[in-house]
C-alpha atoms as a PDB file:
ATOM      1  CA  MET A   1       0.000   0.000   0.000  1.00  0.00           C
ATOM      2  CA  SER A   2       1.319   3.464  -0.903  1.00  0.00           C
ATOM      3  CA  TYR A   3       0.791   6.609   1.158  1.00  0.00           C
ATOM      4  CA  LYS A   4       0.725  10.217  -0.021  1.00  0.00           C
ATOM      5  CA  THR A   5       4.005  11.834   1.009  1.00  0.00           C
ATOM      6  CA  GLU A   6       6.298  14.744   0.145  1.00  0.00           C
ATOM      7  CA  LEU A   7       9.441  12.665   0.707  1.00  0.00           C
ATOM      8  CA  ASP A   8      11.986  12.159  -2.037  1.00  0.00           C
ATOM      9  CA  GLN A   9      14.763   9.678  -1.384  1.00  0.00           C
ATOM     10  CA  VAL A  10      15.412   8.638   2.210  1.00  0.00           C
ATOM     11  CA  VAL A  11      18.394   6.829   3.683  1.00  0.00           C
ATOM     12  CA  VAL A  12      18.127   4.108   6.325  1.00  0.00           C
ATOM     13  CA  LEU A  13      21.340   3.846   8.341  1.00  0.00           C
ATOM     14  CA  ALA A  14      22.145   0.283   9.375  1.00  0.00           C
ATOM     15  CA  GLY A  15      25.183  -1.778  10.274  1.00  0.00           C
ATOM     16  CA  GLY A  16      27.958  -0.002  12.138  1.00  0.00           C
ATOM     17  CA  LEU A  17      30.829  -1.721  13.909  1.00  0.00           C
ATOM     18  CA  SER A  18      29.289  -2.628  17.257  1.00  0.00           C
ATOM     19  CA  PRO A  19      28.596  -6.254  18.286  1.00  0.00           C
ATOM     20  CA  GLU A  20      24.966  -5.527  17.352  1.00  0.00           C
ATOM     21  CA  ARG A  21      25.826  -5.014  13.675  1.00  0.00           C
ATOM     22  CA  GLU A  22      23.894  -8.017  12.351  1.00  0.00           C
ATOM     23  CA  VAL A  23      20.769  -7.068  14.291  1.00  0.00           C
ATOM     24  CA  SER A  24      21.077  -3.510  13.015  1.00  0.00           C
ATOM     25  CA  LEU A  25      21.256  -4.740   9.421  1.00  0.00           C
ATOM     26  CA  ARG A  26      18.100  -6.798   9.973  1.00  0.00           C
ATOM     27  CA  SER A  27      16.345  -3.762  11.445  1.00  0.00           C
ATOM     28  CA  GLY A  28      17.503  -1.469   8.670  1.00  0.00           C
ATOM     29  CA  HIS A  29      16.481  -3.751   5.834  1.00  0.00           C
ATOM     30  CA  ARG A  30      13.078  -4.298   7.386  1.00  0.00           C
ATOM     31  CA  VAL A  31      12.536  -0.538   7.628  1.00  0.00           C
ATOM     32  CA  ARG A  32      13.749  -0.088   4.046  1.00  0.00           C
ATOM     33  CA  ASP A  33      11.451  -2.832   2.763  1.00  0.00           C
ATOM     34  CA  ALA A  34       8.450  -1.311   4.561  1.00  0.00           C
ATOM     35  CA  LEU A  35       9.244   2.104   3.096  1.00  0.00           C
ATOM     36  CA  VAL A  36       9.624   0.731  -0.419  1.00  0.00           C
ATOM     37  CA  GLN A  37       6.314  -1.081  -0.054  1.00  0.00           C
ATOM     38  CA  ALA A  38       4.789   2.270   0.992  1.00  0.00           C
ATOM     39  CA  GLY A  39       6.048   3.840  -2.227  1.00  0.00           C
ATOM     40  CA  ILE A  40       9.141   5.577  -0.823  1.00  0.00           C
ATOM     41  CA  ASP A  41      12.503   5.662  -2.611  1.00  0.00           C
ATOM     42  CA  ALA A  42      14.578   4.254   0.271  1.00  0.00           C
ATOM     43  CA  VAL A  43      18.113   2.867   0.396  1.00  0.00           C
ATOM     44  CA  VAL A  44      20.194   1.304   3.163  1.00  0.00           C
ATOM     45  CA  ALA A  45      23.595   2.829   3.926  1.00  0.00           C
ATOM     46  CA  ASP A  46      26.269   1.729   6.394  1.00  0.00           C
ATOM     47  CA  ALA A  47      28.120   4.054   8.752  1.00  0.00           C
ATOM     48  CA  ASP A  48      31.420   3.729   6.914  1.00  0.00           C
ATOM     49  CA  ALA A  49      33.894   5.968   5.090  1.00  0.00           C
ATOM     50  CA  SER A  50      31.565   6.356   2.106  1.00  0.00           C
ATOM     51  CA  LEU A  51      28.592   7.691   4.085  1.00  0.00           C
ATOM     52  CA  LEU A  52      29.449  11.396   4.253  1.00  0.00           C
ATOM     53  CA  GLY A  53      30.268  11.560   0.566  1.00  0.00           C
ATOM     54  CA  HIS A  54      26.989   9.851  -0.270  1.00  0.00           C
ATOM     55  CA  LEU A  55      24.945  12.224   1.913  1.00  0.00           C
ATOM     56  CA  ARG A  56      26.705  15.283   0.469  1.00  0.00           C
ATOM     57  CA  ALA A  57      26.436  14.170  -3.159  1.00  0.00           C
ATOM     58  CA  ASP A  58      22.787  13.194  -2.969  1.00  0.00           C
ATOM     59  CA  PRO A  59      21.185  14.802   0.118  1.00  0.00           C
ATOM     60  CA  PRO A  60      18.161  12.755   1.240  1.00  0.00           C
ATOM     61  CA  SER A  61      14.883  14.192   2.450  1.00  0.00           C
ATOM     62  CA  ALA A  62      15.630  12.553   5.792  1.00  0.00           C
ATOM     63  CA  VAL A  63      17.606   9.737   7.405  1.00  0.00           C
ATOM     64  CA  PHE A  64      16.177   6.896   9.503  1.00  0.00           C
ATOM     65  CA  PRO A  65      18.905   5.679  11.906  1.00  0.00           C
ATOM     66  CA  ALA A  66      18.624   1.955  12.646  1.00  0.00           C
ATOM     67  CA  ILE A  67      22.128   1.442  14.005  1.00  0.00           C
ATOM     68  CA  HIS A  68      22.162  -0.246  17.400  1.00  0.00           C
ATOM     69  CA  GLY A  69      24.858  -0.099  20.057  1.00  0.00           C
ATOM     70  CA  ALA A  70      27.662   2.433  20.202  1.00  0.00           C
ATOM     71  CA  CYS A  71      27.732   5.082  17.458  1.00  0.00           C
ATOM     72  CA  GLY A  72      24.116   4.420  16.592  1.00  0.00           C
ATOM     73  CA  GLU A  73      22.713   5.106  20.049  1.00  0.00           C
ATOM     74  CA  ASP A  74      25.351   7.142  21.876  1.00  0.00           C
ATOM     75  CA  GLY A  75      24.614  10.241  19.810  1.00  0.00           C
ATOM     76  CA  ALA A  76      27.809  10.225  17.731  1.00  0.00           C
ATOM     77  CA  ILE A  77      26.233   9.554  14.334  1.00  0.00           C
ATOM     78  CA  ARG A  78      23.504  12.080  15.089  1.00  0.00           C
ATOM     79  CA  GLU A  79      26.122  14.728  15.892  1.00  0.00           C
ATOM     80  CA  VAL A  80      27.533  14.187  12.408  1.00  0.00           C
ATOM     81  CA  LEU A  81      24.099  14.348  10.788  1.00  0.00           C
ATOM     82  CA  GLU A  82      23.502  17.641  12.590  1.00  0.00           C
ATOM     83  CA  LEU A  83      26.853  18.973  11.311  1.00  0.00           C
ATOM     84  CA  LEU A  84      25.736  18.050   7.792  1.00  0.00           C
ATOM     85  CA  GLY A  85      22.340  19.648   8.293  1.00  0.00           C
ATOM     86  CA  THR A  86      20.688  16.330   7.398  1.00  0.00           C
ATOM     87  CA  PRO A  87      17.255  15.772   8.993  1.00  0.00           C
ATOM     88  CA  TYR A  88      16.867  12.480  10.822  1.00  0.00           C
ATOM     89  CA  VAL A  89      14.317  10.452  12.774  1.00  0.00           C
ATOM     90  CA  GLY A  90      14.852  10.090  16.486  1.00  0.00           C
ATOM     91  CA  SER A  91      16.388  11.796  19.467  1.00  0.00           C
ATOM     92  CA  ILE A  92      18.998  14.527  19.281  1.00  0.00           C
ATOM     93  CA  ALA A  93      22.590  13.725  20.159  1.00  0.00           C
ATOM     94  CA  THR A  94      22.588  15.205  23.665  1.00  0.00           C
ATOM     95  CA  ALA A  95      19.521  13.170  24.657  1.00  0.00           C
ATOM     96  CA  CYS A  96      21.127  10.026  23.253  1.00  0.00           C
ATOM     97  CA  HIS A  97      24.218  10.637  25.408  1.00  0.00           C
ATOM     98  CA  LEU A  98      22.035  10.558  28.509  1.00  0.00           C
ATOM     99  CA  ALA A  99      19.856   7.597  27.530  1.00  0.00           C
ATOM    100  CA  PHE A 100      22.624   5.347  26.228  1.00  0.00           C
ATOM    101  CA  ASP A 101      24.524   5.481  29.522  1.00  0.00           C
ATOM    102  CA  LYS A 102      22.380   3.235  31.711  1.00  0.00           C
ATOM    103  CA  PRO A 103      23.520   4.523  35.139  1.00  0.00           C
ATOM    104  CA  THR A 104      22.916   8.122  34.025  1.00  0.00           C
ATOM    105  CA  ALA A 105      19.480   7.263  32.648  1.00  0.00           C
ATOM    106  CA  LYS A 106      18.577   5.414  35.857  1.00  0.00           C
ATOM    107  CA  THR A 107      19.626   8.379  37.981  1.00  0.00           C
ATOM    108  CA  LEU A 108      17.639  10.916  35.966  1.00  0.00           C
ATOM    109  CA  VAL A 109      14.521   8.760  35.751  1.00  0.00           C
ATOM    110  CA  ALA A 110      14.693   7.910  39.464  1.00  0.00           C
ATOM    111  CA  ALA A 111      14.947  11.621  40.272  1.00  0.00           C
ATOM    112  CA  ALA A 112      11.575  12.008  38.533  1.00  0.00           C
ATOM    113  CA  GLY A 113      10.017   9.600  41.031  1.00  0.00           C
ATOM    114  CA  VAL A 114      10.233   6.363  39.029  1.00  0.00           C
ATOM    115  CA  MET A 115      11.314   3.172  40.782  1.00  0.00           C
ATOM    116  CA  THR A 116      14.427   1.440  39.470  1.00  0.00           C
ATOM    117  CA  PRO A 117      16.357  -1.459  41.036  1.00  0.00           C
ATOM    118  CA  PRO A 118      19.111  -0.473  43.505  1.00  0.00           C
ATOM    119  CA  SER A 119      22.455  -0.701  41.759  1.00  0.00           C
ATOM    120  CA  VAL A 120      26.212  -0.213  41.800  1.00  0.00           C
ATOM    121  CA  THR A 121      28.281   1.082  38.889  1.00  0.00           C
ATOM    122  CA  LEU A 122      31.723  -0.531  38.750  1.00  0.00           C
ATOM    123  CA  PRO A 123      34.563   0.352  36.352  1.00  0.00           C
ATOM    124  CA  ARG A 124      36.872  -2.456  35.314  1.00  0.00           C
ATOM    125  CA  GLU A 125      39.851  -0.708  36.950  1.00  0.00           C
ATOM    126  CA  THR A 126      38.147  -0.605  40.339  1.00  0.00           C
ATOM    127  CA  PHE A 127      37.346  -4.308  40.138  1.00  0.00           C
ATOM    128  CA  HIS A 128      40.996  -5.154  39.449  1.00  0.00           C
ATOM    129  CA  ASP A 129      42.886  -2.504  41.424  1.00  0.00           C
ATOM    130  CA  LEU A 130      41.034  -2.841  44.723  1.00  0.00           C
ATOM    131  CA  GLY A 131      40.843  -6.622  44.636  1.00  0.00           C
ATOM    132  CA  ALA A 132      38.004  -8.558  43.098  1.00  0.00           C
ATOM    133  CA  ALA A 133      37.111 -10.552  46.209  1.00  0.00           C
ATOM    134  CA  ALA A 134      36.880  -7.501  48.483  1.00  0.00           C
ATOM    135  CA  VAL A 135      34.809  -5.504  45.995  1.00  0.00           C
ATOM    136  CA  ILE A 136      32.449  -8.437  45.414  1.00  0.00           C
ATOM    137  CA  ASP A 137      31.880  -8.809  49.158  1.00  0.00           C
ATOM    138  CA  LEU A 138      30.940  -5.124  49.386  1.00  0.00           C
ATOM    139  CA  ILE A 139      28.540  -5.354  46.431  1.00  0.00           C
ATOM    140  CA  ILE A 140      26.742  -8.389  47.801  1.00  0.00           C
ATOM    141  CA  GLY A 141      26.669  -6.802  51.253  1.00  0.00           C
ATOM    142  CA  LYS A 142      24.817  -3.813  49.830  1.00  0.00           C
ATOM    143  CA  LEU A 143      22.586  -5.354  47.152  1.00  0.00           C
ATOM    144  CA  GLY A 144      22.247  -8.965  48.294  1.00  0.00           C
ATOM    145  CA  LEU A 145      21.543 -11.829  45.904  1.00  0.00           C
ATOM    146  CA  PRO A 146      20.417 -12.485  43.220  1.00  0.00           C
ATOM    147  CA  LEU A 147      21.886  -9.752  41.008  1.00  0.00           C
ATOM    148  CA  TYR A 148      21.822  -8.763  37.363  1.00  0.00           C
ATOM    149  CA  VAL A 149      25.022  -7.624  35.642  1.00  0.00           C
ATOM    150  CA  LYS A 150      25.196  -5.742  32.335  1.00  0.00           C
ATOM    151  CA  PRO A 151      27.482  -3.303  30.525  1.00  0.00           C
ATOM    152  CA  SER A 152      26.672   0.313  31.293  1.00  0.00           C
ATOM    153  CA  ARG A 153      26.520   1.015  27.548  1.00  0.00           C
ATOM    154  CA  GLY A 154      25.228  -1.378  24.909  1.00  0.00           C
ATOM    155  CA  GLY A 155      22.236  -3.571  24.251  1.00  0.00           C
ATOM    156  CA  SER A 156      20.824  -6.869  23.010  1.00  0.00           C
ATOM    157  CA  ALA A 157      21.766  -8.421  26.391  1.00  0.00           C
ATOM    158  CA  LEU A 158      25.363  -8.855  25.216  1.00  0.00           C
ATOM    159  CA  GLY A 159      27.596  -9.338  28.258  1.00  0.00           C
ATOM    160  CA  ALA A 160      24.539  -9.364  30.530  1.00  0.00           C
ATOM    161  CA  GLY A 161      23.185 -12.028  32.838  1.00  0.00           C
ATOM    162  CA  SER A 162      21.797 -12.888  36.240  1.00  0.00           C
ATOM    163  CA  VAL A 163      23.913 -13.956  39.208  1.00  0.00           C
ATOM    164  CA  HIS A 164      22.479 -16.199  41.915  1.00  0.00           C
ATOM    165  CA  THR A 165      25.572 -17.046  44.004  1.00  0.00           C
ATOM    166  CA  ALA A 166      28.532 -15.091  45.318  1.00  0.00           C
ATOM    167  CA  ALA A 167      30.852 -17.312  43.319  1.00  0.00           C
ATOM    168  CA  GLY A 168      29.015 -16.394  40.117  1.00  0.00           C
ATOM    169  CA  LEU A 169      29.581 -12.632  40.355  1.00  0.00           C
ATOM    170  CA  SER A 170      33.246 -12.567  39.343  1.00  0.00           C
ATOM    171  CA  PRO A 171      32.794 -14.525  36.080  1.00  0.00           C
ATOM    172  CA  ALA A 172      29.677 -12.491  35.287  1.00  0.00           C
ATOM    173  CA  LEU A 173      31.684  -9.290  35.655  1.00  0.00           C
ATOM    174  CA  LEU A 174      34.470 -10.636  33.461  1.00  0.00           C
ATOM    175  CA  SER A 175      31.906 -11.506  30.789  1.00  0.00           C
ATOM    176  CA  CYS A 176      30.409  -8.038  31.115  1.00  0.00           C
ATOM    177  CA  PHE A 177      33.805  -6.342  30.780  1.00  0.00           C
ATOM    178  CA  ALA A 178      34.305  -8.088  27.444  1.00  0.00           C
ATOM    179  CA  TYR A 179      31.661  -5.669  26.095  1.00  0.00           C
ATOM    180  CA  GLY A 180      32.532  -2.505  27.987  1.00  0.00           C
ATOM    181  CA  ASP A 181      34.748  -0.988  30.648  1.00  0.00           C
ATOM    182  CA  ILE A 182      31.961  -0.238  33.129  1.00  0.00           C
ATOM    183  CA  ALA A 183      29.495  -2.710  34.649  1.00  0.00           C
ATOM    184  CA  LEU A 184      26.065  -1.900  36.035  1.00  0.00           C
ATOM    185  CA  ILE A 185      25.136  -4.316  38.813  1.00  0.00           C
ATOM    186  CA  GLU A 186      21.495  -4.249  39.853  1.00  0.00           C
ATOM    187  CA  ARG A 187      19.446  -6.064  42.437  1.00  0.00           C
ATOM    188  CA  PHE A 188      17.590  -8.767  40.505  1.00  0.00           C
ATOM    189  CA  ILE A 189      13.838  -8.216  40.610  1.00  0.00           C
ATOM    190  CA  ARG A 190      11.768 -11.330  40.012  1.00  0.00           C
ATOM    191  CA  GLY A 191       8.748 -10.730  37.876  1.00  0.00           C
ATOM    192  CA  THR A 192       7.439 -10.177  34.364  1.00  0.00           C
ATOM    193  CA  GLU A 193       9.612  -8.584  31.690  1.00  0.00           C
ATOM    194  CA  VAL A 194       7.783  -5.867  29.782  1.00  0.00           C
ATOM    195  CA  ALA A 195       8.720  -3.504  26.954  1.00  0.00           C
ATOM    196  CA  VAL A 196       6.737  -0.325  26.312  1.00  0.00           C
ATOM    197  CA  GLY A 197       7.300   1.610  23.108  1.00  0.00           C
ATOM    198  CA  VAL A 198       6.656   5.318  22.790  1.00  0.00           C
ATOM    199  CA  VAL A 199       5.973   7.164  19.538  1.00  0.00           C
ATOM    200  CA  ASP A 200       5.331  10.821  18.854  1.00  0.00           C
ATOM    201  CA  LEU A 201       3.681  11.416  15.501  1.00  0.00           C
ATOM    202  CA  GLY A 202       3.327  15.135  16.075  1.00  0.00           C
ATOM    203  CA  HIS A 203       0.796  15.149  18.906  1.00  0.00           C
ATOM    204  CA  GLY A 204       3.058  14.407  21.863  1.00  0.00           C
ATOM    205  CA  PRO A 205       4.527  11.103  23.064  1.00  0.00           C
ATOM    206  CA  GLN A 206       2.047   8.230  23.234  1.00  0.00           C
ATOM    207  CA  ALA A 207       2.669   4.867  24.887  1.00  0.00           C
ATOM    208  CA  LEU A 208       2.078   1.812  22.724  1.00  0.00           C
ATOM    209  CA  PRO A 209       0.575  -1.390  24.167  1.00  0.00           C
ATOM    210  CA  ALA A 210       2.920  -3.057  26.637  1.00  0.00           C
ATOM    211  CA  VAL A 211       4.584  -6.214  25.316  1.00  0.00           C
ATOM    212  CA  GLU A 212       5.047  -9.094  27.761  1.00  0.00           C
ATOM    213  CA  ILE A 213       8.233 -11.093  27.156  1.00  0.00           C
ATOM    214  CA  VAL A 214       8.364 -14.779  28.121  1.00  0.00           C
ATOM    215  CA  PRO A 215      11.605 -16.525  27.089  1.00  0.00           C
ATOM    216  CA  VAL A 216      11.315 -20.242  26.418  1.00  0.00           C
ATOM    217  CA  GLY A 217      14.659 -20.742  28.195  1.00  0.00           C
ATOM    218  CA  ASP A 218      15.993 -19.218  31.384  1.00  0.00           C
ATOM    219  CA  ALA A 219      16.805 -15.734  30.121  1.00  0.00           C
ATOM    220  CA  TYR A 220      15.897 -13.125  27.512  1.00  0.00           C
ATOM    221  CA  ASP A 221      19.408 -13.217  26.058  1.00  0.00           C
ATOM    222  CA  TYR A 222      20.708 -12.421  22.569  1.00  0.00           C
ATOM    223  CA  ALA A 223      19.477 -15.688  21.064  1.00  0.00           C
ATOM    224  CA  ALA A 224      16.071 -15.381  22.739  1.00  0.00           C
ATOM    225  CA  ARG A 225      15.674 -11.857  21.365  1.00  0.00           C
ATOM    226  CA  TYR A 226      16.456 -12.575  17.746  1.00  0.00           C
ATOM    227  CA  THR A 227      15.642 -16.235  17.101  1.00  0.00           C
ATOM    228  CA  ALA A 228      12.051 -16.974  16.162  1.00  0.00           C
ATOM    229  CA  GLY A 229      10.389 -19.395  18.564  1.00  0.00           C
ATOM    230  CA  LYS A 230      12.764 -18.839  21.493  1.00  0.00           C
ATOM    231  CA  THR A 231      10.502 -16.261  23.155  1.00  0.00           C
ATOM    232  CA  GLU A 232       6.758 -15.849  23.499  1.00  0.00           C
ATOM    233  CA  PHE A 233       5.371 -12.328  23.228  1.00  0.00           C
ATOM    234  CA  PHE A 234       1.957 -11.225  24.478  1.00  0.00           C
ATOM    235  CA  VAL A 235       0.536  -7.963  23.126  1.00  0.00           C
ATOM    236  CA  PRO A 236      -0.995  -6.438  25.124  1.00  0.00           C
ATOM    237  CA  ALA A 237       0.806  -7.775  28.184  1.00  0.00           C
ATOM    238  CA  ARG A 238      -1.214 -10.005  30.497  1.00  0.00           C
ATOM    239  CA  LEU A 239      -1.191  -7.480  33.340  1.00  0.00           C
ATOM    240  CA  PRO A 240      -3.931  -5.842  35.409  1.00  0.00           C
ATOM    241  CA  GLY A 241      -5.100  -2.545  33.980  1.00  0.00           C
ATOM    242  CA  ASP A 242      -3.586  -0.428  36.744  1.00  0.00           C
ATOM    243  CA  VAL A 243      -0.202  -2.142  36.348  1.00  0.00           C
ATOM    244  CA  THR A 244      -0.287  -1.638  32.585  1.00  0.00           C
ATOM    245  CA  ALA A 245      -1.076   2.042  33.129  1.00  0.00           C
ATOM    246  CA  GLN A 246       1.843   2.292  35.545  1.00  0.00           C
ATOM    247  CA  ALA A 247       4.225   0.759  32.992  1.00  0.00           C
ATOM    248  CA  GLU A 248       3.005   3.129  30.279  1.00  0.00           C
ATOM    249  CA  GLN A 249       3.442   6.130  32.585  1.00  0.00           C
ATOM    250  CA  ILE A 250       7.024   5.063  33.312  1.00  0.00           C
ATOM    251  CA  ALA A 251       7.793   4.802  29.584  1.00  0.00           C
ATOM    252  CA  ILE A 252       6.366   8.279  28.942  1.00  0.00           C
ATOM    253  CA  ALA A 253       8.269   9.654  31.944  1.00  0.00           C
ATOM    254  CA  ALA A 254      11.568   8.180  30.731  1.00  0.00           C
ATOM    255  CA  HIS A 255      10.982   9.505  27.203  1.00  0.00           C
ATOM    256  CA  SER A 256      10.194  12.982  28.541  1.00  0.00           C
ATOM    257  CA  VAL A 257      12.774  13.254  31.339  1.00  0.00           C
ATOM    258  CA  LEU A 258      15.612  12.249  29.022  1.00  0.00           C
ATOM    259  CA  GLY A 259      14.463  14.637  26.303  1.00  0.00           C
ATOM    260  CA  LEU A 260      13.854  11.912  23.721  1.00  0.00           C
ATOM    261  CA  ARG A 261      12.125  12.498  20.402  1.00  0.00           C
ATOM    262  CA  ASP A 262      10.003  10.575  17.900  1.00  0.00           C
ATOM    263  CA  LEU A 263      10.357   7.039  19.294  1.00  0.00           C
ATOM    264  CA  SER A 264      11.863   5.056  22.131  1.00  0.00           C
ATOM    265  CA  ARG A 265      11.420   1.768  23.958  1.00  0.00           C
ATOM    266  CA  THR A 266      11.538   1.385  27.719  1.00  0.00           C
ATOM    267  CA  ASP A 267      12.334  -1.957  29.327  1.00  0.00           C
ATOM    268  CA  LEU A 268      10.764  -2.706  32.692  1.00  0.00           C
ATOM    269  CA  ILE A 269      10.290  -5.511  35.162  1.00  0.00           C
ATOM    270  CA  VAL A 270       6.939  -5.880  36.913  1.00  0.00           C
ATOM    271  CA  ALA A 271       7.508  -7.502  40.295  1.00  0.00           C
ATOM    272  CA  ASP A 272       5.185 -10.137  41.669  1.00  0.00           C
ATOM    273  CA  ASP A 273       3.547  -7.499  43.890  1.00  0.00           C
ATOM    274  CA  GLY A 274       2.626  -5.422  40.809  1.00  0.00           C
ATOM    275  CA  ALA A 275       5.287  -2.731  41.231  1.00  0.00           C
ATOM    276  CA  ALA A 276       6.924  -1.711  37.928  1.00  0.00           C
ATOM    277  CA  TYR A 277      10.656  -0.922  37.841  1.00  0.00           C
ATOM    278  CA  PHE A 278      12.472   1.014  35.119  1.00  0.00           C
ATOM    279  CA  LEU A 279      15.467  -0.872  33.734  1.00  0.00           C
ATOM    280  CA  GLU A 280      16.664   1.060  30.675  1.00  0.00           C
ATOM    281  CA  VAL A 281      15.525   2.963  27.611  1.00  0.00           C
ATOM    282  CA  ASN A 282      16.506   2.466  23.980  1.00  0.00           C
ATOM    283  CA  VAL A 283      16.647   5.390  21.527  1.00  0.00           C
ATOM    284  CA  SER A 284      17.015   3.142  18.469  1.00  0.00           C
ATOM    285  CA  PRO A 285      14.633   0.238  19.127  1.00  0.00           C
ATOM    286  CA  GLY A 286      15.029  -2.977  17.196  1.00  0.00           C
ATOM    287  CA  MET A 287      12.876  -3.273  14.092  1.00  0.00           C
ATOM    288  CA  THR A 288      13.394  -6.976  13.365  1.00  0.00           C
ATOM    289  CA  GLU A 289      10.652  -9.585  13.062  1.00  0.00           C
ATOM    290  CA  THR A 290      11.101 -10.463  16.749  1.00  0.00           C
ATOM    291  CA  SER A 291      11.448  -6.887  18.055  1.00  0.00           C
ATOM    292  CA  THR A 292       8.774  -5.570  20.384  1.00  0.00           C
ATOM    293  CA  LEU A 293       8.225  -2.076  18.957  1.00  0.00           C
ATOM    294  CA  PRO A 294       6.849  -3.266  15.582  1.00  0.00           C
ATOM    295  CA  MET A 295       4.612  -5.723  17.453  1.00  0.00           C
ATOM    296  CA  ALA A 296       3.238  -2.916  19.601  1.00  0.00           C
ATOM    297  CA  LEU A 297       2.696  -0.687  16.570  1.00  0.00           C
ATOM    298  CA  GLN A 298       0.669  -3.404  14.882  1.00  0.00           C
ATOM    299  CA  ALA A 299      -1.373  -4.039  18.031  1.00  0.00           C
ATOM    300  CA  SER A 300      -2.165  -0.331  18.330  1.00  0.00           C
ATOM    301  CA  GLY A 301      -3.396  -0.047  14.742  1.00  0.00           C
ATOM    302  CA  HIS A 302      -0.328   1.813  13.467  1.00  0.00           C
ATOM    303  CA  PRO A 303       0.880   0.099  10.269  1.00  0.00           C
ATOM    304  CA  PHE A 304       4.646  -0.281  10.415  1.00  0.00           C
ATOM    305  CA  GLY A 305       5.380   1.251   7.031  1.00  0.00           C
ATOM    306  CA  ALA A 306       2.983   4.166   7.479  1.00  0.00           C
ATOM    307  CA  THR A 307       4.511   4.950  10.877  1.00  0.00           C
ATOM    308  CA  CYS A 308       8.029   4.982   9.430  1.00  0.00           C
ATOM    309  CA  VAL A 309       6.822   7.311   6.671  1.00  0.00           C
ATOM    310  CA  SER A 310       5.192   9.654   9.203  1.00  0.00           C
ATOM    311  CA  LEU A 311       8.362   9.808  11.305  1.00  0.00           C
ATOM    312  CA  LEU A 312      10.438  10.614   8.221  1.00  0.00           C
ATOM    313  CA  GLU A 313       7.983  13.309   7.176  1.00  0.00           C
ATOM    314  CA  LEU A 314       8.236  14.911  10.611  1.00  0.00           C
ATOM    315  CA  ALA A 315      12.029  14.793  10.400  1.00  0.00           C
ATOM    316  CA  ALA A 316      12.019  16.312   6.906  1.00  0.00           C
ATOM    317  CA  ALA A 317       9.695  19.101   8.091  1.00  0.00           C
ATOM    318  CA  ARG A 318      12.071  19.888  10.986  1.00  0.00           C
ATOM    319  CA  GLY A 319      14.899  20.148   8.479  1.00  0.00           C
ATOM    320  CA  ALA A 320      12.914  22.449   6.236  1.00  0.00           C
END
C-alpha cells in the first residue's frame, strides 16, 4: 500500500561496527522494505567511510537511523548528521548521550520519582585494582543476591546475565567487561519482563501497548531476542489494567525526562507485587521480526510502514 508523502529519497542507516551489527542490518532492511512497499525511494547505507560523501552528493529528504549499540545510540552519528544539516528520525545527540549510559538514565529517571532497582556502577579498573574478592563482598553486602550484571553502555543483552551465588559474580563481571569498561550491577527483581514503546507522531509522546516477554529458556538473552520461537510475546501484556497504566506512565516519563524524540522503547520488570521498575531505555529500538516495537505498533493499529513514513515526514519538516 502506498501513502501520499512529500518525501523524495530517504536513507536508512544500518550496520555499524558494534557487536549488534547483524541485528542492526536486519532492522535497517526491514525498515527499508516497509518504506519501499509504501512507495518511498529508500536505500540502506552503512556508517562507513563512504557515508558522508553519499549524503553530500545526494542529500536525502531525511535519514532513519537503525544502528544499534555504540555510534548508533550514543549520539555520535547524530552529531555528524547535525553537522551536515541532514534531517533524521529520532532523538537529538545530547539526549542520546544521557539515555545510552544506563547509570545516568537510571539516575535521571529515578529523580523524577520512578522506581528502578538499587544498583552499583563498577569500572573495570576498580574491580581489578582494589581486589576482586573484596569488591564483590561489598557489592553483595549492599545489594544482596540475586543480582543482574550488564554493561553500562550497549544492548541486546550482550555481556549481561543474572547472578544467583557469590561465586558467580566474578565470572559475570568478566563476561560483562568483554563488552565494555563499566558494569552496572542491579538487584535482581523477580517478575514479568515488559517492553513499552513510545511514539510521537506530532501530537506528543504516546505509549504503545505493553509487550510481555516470556523466554522459552531461562533468560531473555541475545538468542532469545532474535531467534524466532525462542521467546513468546503477548501484546498487550497479560497485566492488570492499573499495572499496565503504571508501565506506560514510566515509559512516557523516561521519554520525557531524558528529552527523547520521535520514538523510544523502555524496558521494565513488573515484580510479583505489581510494582513496575524502570530498567533502561533504547533510543534506536530494534525493528526486526522479533522486536517488540513493531509488534506494539501493529497491536495499536499503526501500520509499520505508514509509521516509518510519518516519522520521516516529521524529520524532513524539521529540516525544512
